[in-house]
């Protein structure tokens, strides 16, 4: 096996393997392109340490890989690719200081070409970011983007840092540049940035500006639930209840699975308007059209507060037919039965709650990476993708917390 790795005819293949694994360690886009043209020094006959380092990378033995690559640069210090690999290995181990020193030594080489220099700068930005030095990383990436404006990977790194810094306006501008350079649908991301900009404006009391951004978000991406929610909140704060209701009702139309986010808001607005009948009509319509446990439980709560005990119990029965493990529905039924003096039935209900609560569960899950946050978020905290978190199938697992009904809020 070792002899195969050392065959001169296989060395170029080995270099490609090194590149692929280097990328898995966080190598930037440029290194992928630039190092596809191996320098002649890599093919030095005696540099067996370099190829041993490759073997250790393949077996995920970073310590021995570092040891062999260090031997390699001692034999031939002109090989940029070996220094790049060392820097990436140090970064992957969290030894950011060493990684940074290696990048800087590459950048300061007197005869380095522009392509390799940009690659080293990009990697230096990655090092700073891995070390938590976001402002330094941002400065480096902006410099790289200035020199090569069409490099999408650099723009994505810049955008990601702006997200971390919650600089939504600049994140929006960078995403617009990415849109011009790439294919695909970016509307939902642009819309979320506009909503975040609107939230900042609203917090500052700039309500007209916030209103403009929320509406622009909806025009950009019609299914942006967060935009409708906050636009409705803005109207509600101004006591424009009819406009608030109009905004919140759109949630049921564009994304039925998130209709429950609007229930408490709508009930509050109708109550302010002293139009309680419309609440029941809305919840009944949603329960029929959506046929989901959340809608029916919201209706059951409403009927219970209205003193329609049998109607509430019927809705809860329908909920449990849809979602047998929905312990929140069982808890509400137990509460109703206790208050109605039906202790034996209530005791049976609560004993089943204990059984179902032993089942581990989360309410939401990212369809991209599988992350299960305890609350709904529009951007996955783990994979950073937008609109990938959805409700877990409540028919298969328990899936609601007591805060969902009514008036549950997202950030």
Foldseek 3Di string as FASTA:
>chain_A
DLVVLLPLVCVLVLQLLLLVLLVVLPQDPLCNVPCNPPDPLSSPNPLSLQSVLSVCSVVVNLVSSLVSLVVNCVVPVVGLVSLSSNLSSCLSVVVLVSSLVSLVVQLPDPPDDPSVNLSSLLVNLVSCVSVVNLVVSLVSLVVSCVVPVLDLRSLVSNLVSCVVVVVLVVNLVSVVSNPVNDDDQCLLVNLVSLQSVLVVCVVVVVLVSSLVSLVVSCVSPVQNLSSLQVNLVSCVVVVVLVVSLVSLVVNCVNPVQCNLLCLQVNCVSCVVVVNNVVSLVVLVVSCVVVVALSSLQLNLVSCVVVVVLVSSVVSLVSSCVQAVLQLVSLQVNLVSCVVVVNNVVSVVSVVVSVVSVVDDDAFKAFPPPGDGDNDDDQADPPPRDGNRIGGDRRNVHHHDDPQSPHNRDDD
